[in-house]
C-alpha atoms as a PDB file:
ATOM      1  CA  MET A   1       0.000   0.000   0.000  1.00  0.00           C
ATOM      2  CA  PRO A   2       1.633   3.295  -1.044  1.00  0.00           C
ATOM      3  CA  GLN A   3       2.633   5.558   1.822  1.00  0.00           C
ATOM      4  CA  ASN A   4       3.224   9.291   1.841  1.00  0.00           C
ATOM      5  CA  GLN A   5       6.935   9.848   1.183  1.00  0.00           C
ATOM      6  CA  THR A   6       8.722  13.170   1.751  1.00  0.00           C
ATOM      7  CA  LEU A   7       6.169  15.216  -0.174  1.00  0.00           C
ATOM      8  CA  VAL A   8       4.956  18.385   1.538  1.00  0.00           C
ATOM      9  CA  PHE A   9       1.314  19.040   0.815  1.00  0.00           C
ATOM     10  CA  ALA A  10       0.102  22.532   0.002  1.00  0.00           C
ATOM     11  CA  ASN A  11      -2.957  22.149   2.229  1.00  0.00           C
ATOM     12  CA  ALA A  12      -1.425  19.997   4.977  1.00  0.00           C
ATOM     13  CA  ALA A  13       2.133  21.214   5.471  1.00  0.00           C
ATOM     14  CA  GLU A  14       2.146  20.070   9.098  1.00  0.00           C
ATOM     15  CA  GLY A  15       0.968  16.593   8.285  1.00  0.00           C
ATOM     16  CA  LEU A  16      -2.247  14.648   8.847  1.00  0.00           C
ATOM     17  CA  SER A  17      -3.986  13.783  12.091  1.00  0.00           C
ATOM     18  CA  ILE A  18      -6.885  11.367  12.439  1.00  0.00           C
ATOM     19  CA  ASP A  19     -10.036  12.525  14.224  1.00  0.00           C
ATOM     20  CA  PRO A  20     -10.890   9.668  16.613  1.00  0.00           C
ATOM     21  CA  THR A  21     -14.522  10.868  16.805  1.00  0.00           C
ATOM     22  CA  ALA A  22     -15.095  11.049  13.038  1.00  0.00           C
ATOM     23  CA  GLY A  23     -17.291   7.944  13.041  1.00  0.00           C
ATOM     24  CA  GLN A  24     -19.697   9.495  15.543  1.00  0.00           C
ATOM     25  CA  GLN A  25     -19.710  12.995  13.996  1.00  0.00           C
ATOM     26  CA  ASP A  26     -20.329  11.838  10.429  1.00  0.00           C
ATOM     27  CA  GLU A  27     -22.289   8.642  10.884  1.00  0.00           C
ATOM     28  CA  GLY A  28     -24.180   9.193   7.629  1.00  0.00           C
ATOM     29  CA  PHE A  29     -20.996   8.949   5.599  1.00  0.00           C
ATOM     30  CA  TYR A  30     -20.092   5.566   7.065  1.00  0.00           C
ATOM     31  CA  SER A  31     -23.479   3.870   6.672  1.00  0.00           C
ATOM     32  CA  ASP A  32     -24.896   1.816   3.819  1.00  0.00           C
ATOM     33  CA  ALA A  33     -26.877   4.916   2.886  1.00  0.00           C
ATOM     34  CA  GLY A  34     -23.670   6.898   2.530  1.00  0.00           C
ATOM     35  CA  THR A  35     -24.400   7.803  -1.063  1.00  0.00           C
ATOM     36  CA  ASP A  36     -27.382   9.913   0.048  1.00  0.00           C
ATOM     37  CA  THR A  37     -26.401  13.546  -0.340  1.00  0.00           C
ATOM     38  CA  THR A  38     -29.011  14.604   2.204  1.00  0.00           C
ATOM     39  CA  SER A  39     -26.380  13.998   4.889  1.00  0.00           C
ATOM     40  CA  ILE A  40     -24.336  16.899   3.506  1.00  0.00           C
ATOM     41  CA  ALA A  41     -24.928  20.430   4.710  1.00  0.00           C
ATOM     42  CA  SER A  42     -27.152  22.642   2.562  1.00  0.00           C
ATOM     43  CA  ASN A  43     -24.177  24.564   1.173  1.00  0.00           C
ATOM     44  CA  VAL A  44     -23.381  21.561  -1.021  1.00  0.00           C
ATOM     45  CA  LYS A  45     -25.265  23.429  -3.727  1.00  0.00           C
ATOM     46  CA  ASN A  46     -22.400  25.911  -3.831  1.00  0.00           C
ATOM     47  CA  TYR A  47     -20.181  23.176  -5.259  1.00  0.00           C
ATOM     48  CA  VAL A  48     -20.008  22.311  -8.930  1.00  0.00           C
ATOM     49  CA  TYR A  49     -20.339  19.150 -10.963  1.00  0.00           C
ATOM     50  CA  GLU A  50     -18.302  18.333 -14.037  1.00  0.00           C
ATOM     51  CA  ASN A  51     -18.268  15.065 -15.967  1.00  0.00           C
ATOM     52  CA  GLY A  52     -20.261  13.456 -13.177  1.00  0.00           C
ATOM     53  CA  ARG A  53     -17.749  14.480 -10.520  1.00  0.00           C
ATOM     54  CA  ARG A  54     -18.121  16.925  -7.668  1.00  0.00           C
ATOM     55  CA  TYR A  55     -15.266  19.397  -7.080  1.00  0.00           C
ATOM     56  CA  HIS A  56     -14.423  20.962  -3.761  1.00  0.00           C
ATOM     57  CA  ALA A  57     -13.329  24.612  -3.812  1.00  0.00           C
ATOM     58  CA  TYR A  58      -9.604  24.172  -3.311  1.00  0.00           C
ATOM     59  CA  ASN A  59      -7.685  27.362  -2.649  1.00  0.00           C
ATOM     60  CA  GLU A  60     -10.827  29.142  -1.386  1.00  0.00           C
ATOM     61  CA  GLY A  61     -12.491  29.185  -4.761  1.00  0.00           C
ATOM     62  CA  GLU A  62      -9.559  30.329  -6.884  1.00  0.00           C
ATOM     63  CA  LEU A  63      -9.815  29.249 -10.494  1.00  0.00           C
ATOM     64  CA  TYR A  64      -6.067  28.882 -11.025  1.00  0.00           C
ATOM     65  CA  LEU A  65      -2.699  29.158  -9.296  1.00  0.00           C
ATOM     66  CA  SER A  66      -0.717  30.705 -12.158  1.00  0.00           C
ATOM     67  CA  PRO A  67       0.430  34.293 -11.477  1.00  0.00           C
ATOM     68  CA  LEU A  68      -1.767  35.879 -14.133  1.00  0.00           C
ATOM     69  CA  TYR A  69      -2.362  39.578 -14.677  1.00  0.00           C
ATOM     70  CA  ASN A  70      -5.466  40.432 -16.693  1.00  0.00           C
ATOM     71  CA  PRO A  71      -5.156  37.696 -19.356  1.00  0.00           C
ATOM     72  CA  LYS A  72      -6.813  38.629 -22.654  1.00  0.00           C
ATOM     73  CA  THR A  73      -6.960  35.224 -24.364  1.00  0.00           C
ATOM     74  CA  VAL A  74      -7.803  32.057 -22.417  1.00  0.00           C
ATOM     75  CA  LEU A  75      -8.356  28.444 -23.526  1.00  0.00           C
ATOM     76  CA  ASP A  76      -9.970  25.721 -21.412  1.00  0.00           C
ATOM     77  CA  LEU A  77      -9.041  22.249 -22.688  1.00  0.00           C
ATOM     78  CA  GLY A  78     -11.784  19.628 -22.472  1.00  0.00           C
ATOM     79  CA  THR A  79     -14.155  22.144 -20.924  1.00  0.00           C
ATOM     80  CA  GLY A  80     -16.914  19.614 -20.148  1.00  0.00           C
ATOM     81  CA  THR A  81     -19.942  21.478 -18.789  1.00  0.00           C
ATOM     82  CA  GLY A  82     -18.036  24.726 -19.282  1.00  0.00           C
ATOM     83  CA  ILE A  83     -18.320  25.811 -15.651  1.00  0.00           C
ATOM     84  CA  TRP A  84     -14.646  26.798 -15.347  1.00  0.00           C
ATOM     85  CA  ALA A  85     -14.701  28.804 -18.590  1.00  0.00           C
ATOM     86  CA  ILE A  86     -17.878  30.587 -17.518  1.00  0.00           C
ATOM     87  CA  ASP A  87     -16.434  31.458 -14.108  1.00  0.00           C
ATOM     88  CA  MET A  88     -13.208  32.602 -15.751  1.00  0.00           C
ATOM     89  CA  ALA A  89     -15.125  34.863 -18.142  1.00  0.00           C
ATOM     90  CA  ASP A  90     -17.084  36.324 -15.229  1.00  0.00           C
ATOM     91  CA  LYS A  91     -13.870  36.995 -13.321  1.00  0.00           C
ATOM     92  CA  HIS A  92     -11.998  38.544 -16.271  1.00  0.00           C
ATOM     93  CA  HIS A  93     -14.533  40.593 -18.218  1.00  0.00           C
ATOM     94  CA  SER A  94     -11.989  41.841 -20.733  1.00  0.00           C
ATOM     95  CA  ALA A  95     -10.714  38.355 -21.574  1.00  0.00           C
ATOM     96  CA  GLU A  96     -11.746  36.229 -24.535  1.00  0.00           C
ATOM     97  CA  VAL A  97     -12.397  32.823 -22.942  1.00  0.00           C
ATOM     98  CA  MET A  98     -12.813  29.745 -25.123  1.00  0.00           C
ATOM     99  CA  GLY A  99     -13.644  26.223 -24.025  1.00  0.00           C
ATOM    100  CA  ASN A 100     -13.284  23.242 -26.340  1.00  0.00           C
ATOM    101  CA  ASP A 101     -14.685  19.734 -26.046  1.00  0.00           C
ATOM    102  CA  ILE A 102     -15.817  16.916 -28.309  1.00  0.00           C
ATOM    103  CA  SER A 103     -19.215  16.798 -26.557  1.00  0.00           C
ATOM    104  CA  PRO A 104     -21.709  19.686 -26.976  1.00  0.00           C
ATOM    105  CA  ILE A 105     -22.982  19.688 -23.400  1.00  0.00           C
ATOM    106  CA  GLN A 106     -22.280  23.327 -22.530  1.00  0.00           C
ATOM    107  CA  PRO A 107     -25.105  25.786 -21.757  1.00  0.00           C
ATOM    108  CA  ASN A 108     -26.382  28.311 -24.281  1.00  0.00           C
ATOM    109  CA  TRP A 109     -26.578  31.203 -21.833  1.00  0.00           C
ATOM    110  CA  VAL A 110     -23.000  32.273 -21.163  1.00  0.00           C
ATOM    111  CA  PRO A 111     -21.134  35.547 -20.571  1.00  0.00           C
ATOM    112  CA  PRO A 112     -20.598  37.538 -23.781  1.00  0.00           C
ATOM    113  CA  ASN A 113     -16.836  37.019 -23.548  1.00  0.00           C
ATOM    114  CA  CYS A 114     -17.136  33.217 -23.353  1.00  0.00           C
ATOM    115  CA  GLN A 115     -17.575  30.809 -26.246  1.00  0.00           C
ATOM    116  CA  PHE A 116     -17.532  27.054 -26.712  1.00  0.00           C
ATOM    117  CA  VAL A 117     -16.327  25.107 -29.741  1.00  0.00           C
ATOM    118  CA  ILE A 118     -16.664  21.434 -30.585  1.00  0.00           C
ATOM    119  CA  ASP A 119     -13.104  20.358 -31.163  1.00  0.00           C
ATOM    120  CA  ASP A 120     -10.673  17.557 -30.348  1.00  0.00           C
ATOM    121  CA  PHE A 121      -7.691  19.100 -28.592  1.00  0.00           C
ATOM    122  CA  GLU A 122      -5.513  16.155 -29.621  1.00  0.00           C
ATOM    123  CA  GLU A 123      -5.863  17.150 -33.280  1.00  0.00           C
ATOM    124  CA  ASP A 124      -4.023  20.125 -34.845  1.00  0.00           C
ATOM    125  CA  TRP A 125      -5.148  23.419 -33.329  1.00  0.00           C
ATOM    126  CA  ALA A 126      -6.764  26.005 -35.585  1.00  0.00           C
ATOM    127  CA  HIS A 127      -5.438  29.028 -33.700  1.00  0.00           C
ATOM    128  CA  LYS A 128      -2.207  30.669 -34.675  1.00  0.00           C
ATOM    129  CA  PRO A 129       0.932  30.154 -32.569  1.00  0.00           C
ATOM    130  CA  ASP A 130       1.641  32.420 -29.595  1.00  0.00           C
ATOM    131  CA  TYR A 131      -2.068  33.241 -29.257  1.00  0.00           C
ATOM    132  CA  PHE A 132      -3.301  32.300 -25.769  1.00  0.00           C
ATOM    133  CA  GLU A 133      -2.058  34.074 -22.668  1.00  0.00           C
ATOM    134  CA  PHE A 134      -3.412  31.267 -20.486  1.00  0.00           C
ATOM    135  CA  ILE A 135      -4.223  27.634 -21.290  1.00  0.00           C
ATOM    136  CA  HIS A 136      -5.962  25.566 -18.631  1.00  0.00           C
ATOM    137  CA  GLY A 137      -6.847  21.892 -18.326  1.00  0.00           C
ATOM    138  CA  ARG A 138      -8.168  19.888 -15.401  1.00  0.00           C
ATOM    139  CA  THR A 139      -9.126  16.231 -14.951  1.00  0.00           C
ATOM    140  CA  ILE A 140      -8.640  15.399 -18.610  1.00  0.00           C
ATOM    141  CA  ALA A 141      -6.615  12.250 -17.862  1.00  0.00           C
ATOM    142  CA  GLY A 142      -8.337   9.342 -19.553  1.00  0.00           C
ATOM    143  CA  ALA A 143      -9.081  11.539 -22.562  1.00  0.00           C
ATOM    144  CA  VAL A 144      -5.466  12.088 -23.675  1.00  0.00           C
ATOM    145  CA  ARG A 145      -3.439   9.548 -25.617  1.00  0.00           C
ATOM    146  CA  ASP A 146      -0.237  11.539 -26.133  1.00  0.00           C
ATOM    147  CA  TRP A 147       0.494  13.928 -23.269  1.00  0.00           C
ATOM    148  CA  PRO A 148       3.894  15.172 -24.519  1.00  0.00           C
ATOM    149  CA  LYS A 149       2.298  16.042 -27.878  1.00  0.00           C
ATOM    150  CA  LEU A 150      -0.603  17.863 -26.212  1.00  0.00           C
ATOM    151  CA  ILE A 151       1.701  19.867 -23.960  1.00  0.00           C
ATOM    152  CA  SER A 152       3.958  20.658 -26.915  1.00  0.00           C
ATOM    153  CA  GLN A 153       0.942  21.978 -28.826  1.00  0.00           C
ATOM    154  CA  ALA A 154      -0.033  24.048 -25.816  1.00  0.00           C
ATOM    155  CA  TYR A 155       3.485  25.480 -25.720  1.00  0.00           C
ATOM    156  CA  THR A 156       3.309  26.402 -29.416  1.00  0.00           C
ATOM    157  CA  HIS A 157       0.028  28.238 -28.957  1.00  0.00           C
ATOM    158  CA  THR A 158       0.883  29.949 -25.661  1.00  0.00           C
ATOM    159  CA  LYS A 159       1.899  33.570 -25.989  1.00  0.00           C
ATOM    160  CA  PRO A 160       5.469  34.264 -24.771  1.00  0.00           C
ATOM    161  CA  GLY A 161       5.143  35.179 -21.110  1.00  0.00           C
ATOM    162  CA  GLY A 162       1.858  33.269 -20.881  1.00  0.00           C
ATOM    163  CA  TYR A 163       1.075  30.210 -18.772  1.00  0.00           C
ATOM    164  CA  LEU A 164      -0.127  26.629 -19.062  1.00  0.00           C
ATOM    165  CA  GLU A 165      -1.775  25.134 -15.964  1.00  0.00           C
ATOM    166  CA  LEU A 166      -2.848  21.502 -15.554  1.00  0.00           C
ATOM    167  CA  GLN A 167      -4.731  20.005 -12.611  1.00  0.00           C
ATOM    168  CA  GLU A 168      -4.998  16.236 -12.168  1.00  0.00           C
ATOM    169  CA  GLY A 169      -5.616  13.736  -9.397  1.00  0.00           C
ATOM    170  CA  SER A 170      -3.132  10.922  -8.896  1.00  0.00           C
ATOM    171  CA  VAL A 171      -5.814   8.262  -9.503  1.00  0.00           C
ATOM    172  CA  TRP A 172      -4.366   6.268  -6.641  1.00  0.00           C
ATOM    173  CA  THR A 173      -4.858   6.052  -2.912  1.00  0.00           C
ATOM    174  CA  TYR A 174      -2.576   6.569   0.071  1.00  0.00           C
ATOM    175  CA  SER A 175      -2.969   5.536   3.674  1.00  0.00           C
ATOM    176  CA  ASP A 176      -0.233   6.663   6.038  1.00  0.00           C
ATOM    177  CA  ASP A 177      -1.438   4.438   8.874  1.00  0.00           C
ATOM    178  CA  GLY A 178      -1.794   1.366   6.658  1.00  0.00           C
ATOM    179  CA  SER A 179      -5.542   1.154   7.181  1.00  0.00           C
ATOM    180  CA  LEU A 180      -6.125   0.514   3.457  1.00  0.00           C
ATOM    181  CA  LYS A 181      -4.274  -2.627   2.492  1.00  0.00           C
ATOM    182  CA  GLU A 182      -3.278  -4.372  -0.715  1.00  0.00           C
ATOM    183  CA  GLY A 183      -5.557  -7.228  -1.740  1.00  0.00           C
ATOM    184  CA  THR A 184      -8.724  -5.401  -0.703  1.00  0.00           C
ATOM    185  CA  PRO A 185     -11.547  -4.589  -3.159  1.00  0.00           C
ATOM    186  CA  TYR A 186     -10.594  -0.954  -3.550  1.00  0.00           C
ATOM    187  CA  MET A 187      -6.963  -1.722  -4.290  1.00  0.00           C
ATOM    188  CA  GLU A 188      -8.040  -4.379  -6.816  1.00  0.00           C
ATOM    189  CA  PHE A 189     -10.305  -1.738  -8.346  1.00  0.00           C
ATOM    190  CA  LEU A 190      -7.456   0.788  -8.678  1.00  0.00           C
ATOM    191  CA  HIS A 191      -4.955  -1.713 -10.095  1.00  0.00           C
ATOM    192  CA  SER A 192      -7.536  -2.907 -12.630  1.00  0.00           C
ATOM    193  CA  MET A 193      -8.562   0.606 -13.655  1.00  0.00           C
ATOM    194  CA  VAL A 194      -4.963   1.747 -14.148  1.00  0.00           C
ATOM    195  CA  GLN A 195      -4.177  -1.436 -16.112  1.00  0.00           C
ATOM    196  CA  ALA A 196      -7.240  -1.013 -18.331  1.00  0.00           C
ATOM    197  CA  SER A 197      -6.554   2.654 -19.034  1.00  0.00           C
ATOM    198  CA  GLU A 198      -2.989   1.860 -20.080  1.00  0.00           C
ATOM    199  CA  GLN A 199      -4.119  -1.002 -22.324  1.00  0.00           C
ATOM    200  CA  ALA A 200      -6.642   1.343 -23.926  1.00  0.00           C
ATOM    201  CA  GLY A 201      -3.931   3.936 -24.553  1.00  0.00           C
ATOM    202  CA  ILE A 202      -5.531   6.598 -22.347  1.00  0.00           C
ATOM    203  CA  PRO A 203      -3.479   6.416 -19.123  1.00  0.00           C
ATOM    204  CA  LEU A 204      -5.046   7.761 -15.954  1.00  0.00           C
ATOM    205  CA  ARG A 205      -1.959   7.922 -13.699  1.00  0.00           C
ATOM    206  CA  VAL A 206      -0.147  10.908 -15.178  1.00  0.00           C
ATOM    207  CA  ALA A 207      -0.332  13.657 -12.546  1.00  0.00           C
ATOM    208  CA  HIS A 208       3.181  13.039 -11.216  1.00  0.00           C
ATOM    209  CA  LYS A 209       4.613  13.301 -14.749  1.00  0.00           C
ATOM    210  CA  LEU A 210       3.113  16.655 -15.723  1.00  0.00           C
ATOM    211  CA  LYS A 211       5.941  18.797 -14.356  1.00  0.00           C
ATOM    212  CA  GLY A 212       8.587  16.902 -16.314  1.00  0.00           C
ATOM    213  CA  TRP A 213       6.575  16.957 -19.520  1.00  0.00           C
ATOM    214  CA  MET A 214       6.040  20.694 -19.231  1.00  0.00           C
ATOM    215  CA  GLU A 215       9.744  21.303 -18.669  1.00  0.00           C
ATOM    216  CA  ASP A 216      10.608  19.072 -21.629  1.00  0.00           C
ATOM    217  CA  ALA A 217       8.255  21.128 -23.812  1.00  0.00           C
ATOM    218  CA  GLY A 218      10.127  24.315 -22.932  1.00  0.00           C
ATOM    219  CA  PHE A 219       8.056  25.859 -20.146  1.00  0.00           C
ATOM    220  CA  GLN A 220      10.097  27.643 -17.500  1.00  0.00           C
ATOM    221  CA  ASP A 221       9.629  28.268 -13.781  1.00  0.00           C
ATOM    222  CA  VAL A 222       7.375  25.208 -13.606  1.00  0.00           C
ATOM    223  CA  VAL A 223       5.686  24.930 -10.217  1.00  0.00           C
ATOM    224  CA  GLU A 224       4.093  21.764  -8.836  1.00  0.00           C
ATOM    225  CA  LYS A 225       1.784  21.954  -5.826  1.00  0.00           C
ATOM    226  CA  VAL A 226       0.160  18.858  -4.405  1.00  0.00           C
ATOM    227  CA  TYR A 227      -2.997  18.870  -2.308  1.00  0.00           C
ATOM    228  CA  ILE A 228      -4.490  16.163  -0.130  1.00  0.00           C
ATOM    229  CA  CYS A 229      -8.031  15.035  -0.894  1.00  0.00           C
ATOM    230  CA  PRO A 230      -9.321  12.704   1.870  1.00  0.00           C
ATOM    231  CA  TYR A 231     -11.808  10.008   0.891  1.00  0.00           C
ATOM    232  CA  SER A 232     -14.036  10.633   3.900  1.00  0.00           C
ATOM    233  CA  PRO A 233     -14.252  13.081   6.853  1.00  0.00           C
ATOM    234  CA  TRP A 234     -11.596  11.326   8.931  1.00  0.00           C
ATOM    235  CA  PRO A 235      -8.979  14.128   9.279  1.00  0.00           C
ATOM    236  CA  GLN A 236      -8.748  16.262  12.414  1.00  0.00           C
ATOM    237  CA  ASP A 237      -8.240  19.415  10.361  1.00  0.00           C
ATOM    238  CA  LYS A 238     -11.618  21.112   9.800  1.00  0.00           C
ATOM    239  CA  THR A 239     -10.973  22.114   6.204  1.00  0.00           C
ATOM    240  CA  LEU A 240      -9.709  18.671   5.226  1.00  0.00           C
ATOM    241  CA  LYS A 241     -12.665  17.121   7.032  1.00  0.00           C
ATOM    242  CA  GLU A 242     -15.027  19.181   4.886  1.00  0.00           C
ATOM    243  CA  VAL A 243     -13.132  18.207   1.741  1.00  0.00           C
ATOM    244  CA  GLY A 244     -13.520  14.576   2.827  1.00  0.00           C
ATOM    245  CA  ARG A 245     -17.288  14.933   3.172  1.00  0.00           C
ATOM    246  CA  TYR A 246     -17.672  16.018  -0.431  1.00  0.00           C
ATOM    247  CA  GLN A 247     -15.057  13.627  -1.755  1.00  0.00           C
ATOM    248  CA  SER A 248     -16.857  10.730  -0.070  1.00  0.00           C
ATOM    249  CA  ILE A 249     -19.994  11.415  -2.076  1.00  0.00           C
ATOM    250  CA  GLN A 250     -18.097  12.237  -5.276  1.00  0.00           C
ATOM    251  CA  LEU A 251     -16.035   9.060  -5.101  1.00  0.00           C
ATOM    252  CA  GLN A 252     -19.012   6.784  -4.621  1.00  0.00           C
ATOM    253  CA  GLY A 253     -20.681   8.374  -7.626  1.00  0.00           C
ATOM    254  CA  ALA A 254     -17.547   8.069  -9.776  1.00  0.00           C
ATOM    255  CA  VAL A 255     -16.762   4.397  -9.163  1.00  0.00           C
ATOM    256  CA  GLU A 256     -19.093   3.095 -11.868  1.00  0.00           C
ATOM    257  CA  SER A 257     -18.758   5.982 -14.321  1.00  0.00           C
ATOM    258  CA  TYR A 258     -14.977   5.687 -14.438  1.00  0.00           C
ATOM    259  CA  SER A 259     -14.612   1.920 -14.462  1.00  0.00           C
ATOM    260  CA  LEU A 260     -17.557   0.104 -16.038  1.00  0.00           C
ATOM    261  CA  ALA A 261     -16.573   0.648 -19.688  1.00  0.00           C
ATOM    262  CA  LEU A 262     -12.882   0.039 -19.001  1.00  0.00           C
ATOM    263  CA  PHE A 263     -13.540  -3.192 -17.116  1.00  0.00           C
ATOM    264  CA  THR A 264     -16.039  -4.646 -19.593  1.00  0.00           C
ATOM    265  CA  ARG A 265     -14.627  -3.392 -22.908  1.00  0.00           C
ATOM    266  CA  VAL A 266     -10.897  -3.599 -22.183  1.00  0.00           C
ATOM    267  CA  LEU A 267     -10.427  -6.227 -19.470  1.00  0.00           C
ATOM    268  CA  GLY A 268     -13.295  -8.422 -20.644  1.00  0.00           C
ATOM    269  CA  TRP A 269     -15.082  -8.536 -17.308  1.00  0.00           C
ATOM    270  CA  SER A 270     -18.772  -9.353 -17.312  1.00  0.00           C
ATOM    271  CA  GLU A 271     -21.089  -6.563 -16.216  1.00  0.00           C
ATOM    272  CA  GLU A 272     -22.025  -8.660 -13.193  1.00  0.00           C
ATOM    273  CA  LYS A 273     -18.388  -9.042 -12.111  1.00  0.00           C
ATOM    274  CA  ALA A 274     -17.685  -5.333 -12.589  1.00  0.00           C
ATOM    275  CA  LYS A 275     -20.720  -4.258 -10.586  1.00  0.00           C
ATOM    276  CA  ALA A 276     -20.014  -6.776  -7.842  1.00  0.00           C
ATOM    277  CA  ASN A 277     -16.519  -5.294  -7.477  1.00  0.00           C
ATOM    278  CA  GLN A 278     -17.977  -1.777  -7.466  1.00  0.00           C
ATOM    279  CA  ASN A 279     -20.394  -2.665  -4.660  1.00  0.00           C
ATOM    280  CA  LEU A 280     -17.533  -4.009  -2.557  1.00  0.00           C
ATOM    281  CA  VAL A 281     -15.494  -0.882  -3.305  1.00  0.00           C
ATOM    282  CA  MET A 282     -18.269   1.456  -2.200  1.00  0.00           C
ATOM    283  CA  LYS A 283     -18.762  -0.529   0.991  1.00  0.00           C
ATOM    284  CA  GLN A 284     -15.037  -0.266   1.733  1.00  0.00           C
ATOM    285  CA  ILE A 285     -14.995   3.469   1.001  1.00  0.00           C
ATOM    286  CA  ARG A 286     -17.706   3.942   3.651  1.00  0.00           C
ATOM    287  CA  SER A 287     -15.677   2.177   6.337  1.00  0.00           C
ATOM    288  CA  LYS A 288     -14.817   4.482   9.244  1.00  0.00           C
ATOM    289  CA  ASP A 289     -11.696   2.413   9.865  1.00  0.00           C
ATOM    290  CA  ILE A 290     -10.036   3.453   6.601  1.00  0.00           C
ATOM    291  CA  HIS A 291      -8.050   6.710   6.535  1.00  0.00           C
ATOM    292  CA  ALA A 292      -7.164   7.132   2.892  1.00  0.00           C
ATOM    293  CA  TYR A 293      -6.622  10.054   0.549  1.00  0.00           C
ATOM    294  CA  ASP A 294      -5.761  11.008  -3.014  1.00  0.00           C
ATOM    295  CA  LYS A 295      -3.192  13.566  -4.179  1.00  0.00           C
ATOM    296  CA  VAL A 296      -4.274  16.358  -6.502  1.00  0.00           C
ATOM    297  CA  TYR A 297      -1.516  17.969  -8.574  1.00  0.00           C
ATOM    298  CA  PHE A 298      -1.616  21.606  -9.695  1.00  0.00           C
ATOM    299  CA  VAL A 299       1.205  22.272 -12.176  1.00  0.00           C
ATOM    300  CA  TYR A 300       1.839  25.509 -14.026  1.00  0.00           C
ATOM    301  CA  GLY A 301       4.670  26.945 -16.101  1.00  0.00           C
ATOM    302  CA  ARG A 302       5.546  30.009 -18.161  1.00  0.00           C
ATOM    303  CA  LYS A 303       6.524  30.197 -21.814  1.00  0.00           C
ATOM    304  CA  PRO A 304       9.707  32.300 -21.988  1.00  0.00           C
ATOM    305  CA  GLU A 305       9.731  35.659 -23.711  1.00  0.00           C
ATOM    306  CA  LYS A 306      11.293  35.777 -27.159  1.00  0.00           C
ATOM    307  CA  ARG A 307      14.795  37.194 -27.265  1.00  0.00           C
ATOM    308  CA  GLY A 308      15.520  40.318 -29.187  1.00  0.00           C
END
């Protein structure tokens, strides 16, 4: 079972402590009815959904970590529902914000400075080089076959002095106290999902490679920040506990959506076997005795200014 190494987390620099009363305080999250969102406080509606996943407001609602100053041209890769592009357009009224995706699921009512295009970002880009002052992509792992090529294209189309920022989860789990062990349903689930994604040519475990790929493409001053995302409200820290509440619900909803096609189409599992594994996984996730978390990587870098 992977343990936390020497990594310092951006939202838990002093380490993690387990709340011994978590099982009593958040009983709804550890019951068989744990998928019921009624156990979450009413402010859950302030959180957003994208591609069937719920996102907690890391960094107190900031949309990016890159040190931007009034960007004029912004691209959101794989925009999904378009929520990030819409929020970005609302925040920067003078910016031209574009979101691309192969699925036309974005709303029609958007800010006047926001537009969506149906496009495959792995194909050649229509925009001229050095065009975008900021390119953003989050949770697009599983939709990218050639990451170095994509990042190289982003570099070509980033304006000198502009930034690329990518945000991805590790698609793995960590348990510093060893409470989540190898050989359990959830670990079988993760191993199988990673194996299937690699066989399909759309690897999911790429977050830890983003910094190196960006540097190889030519980006400078590349910064990597890693955040903890607990799987349930077990941490002592109040903010991490809240993150865990939302992640608990999100994770249970994502188990089938992320794995069913991979397990049946790629690994050849029957639907019955896949769903049986998923049921065991969700039961394990709801266990108050497991203190596990994911790592979420925020990586950004700057395209150097042209000389002369």
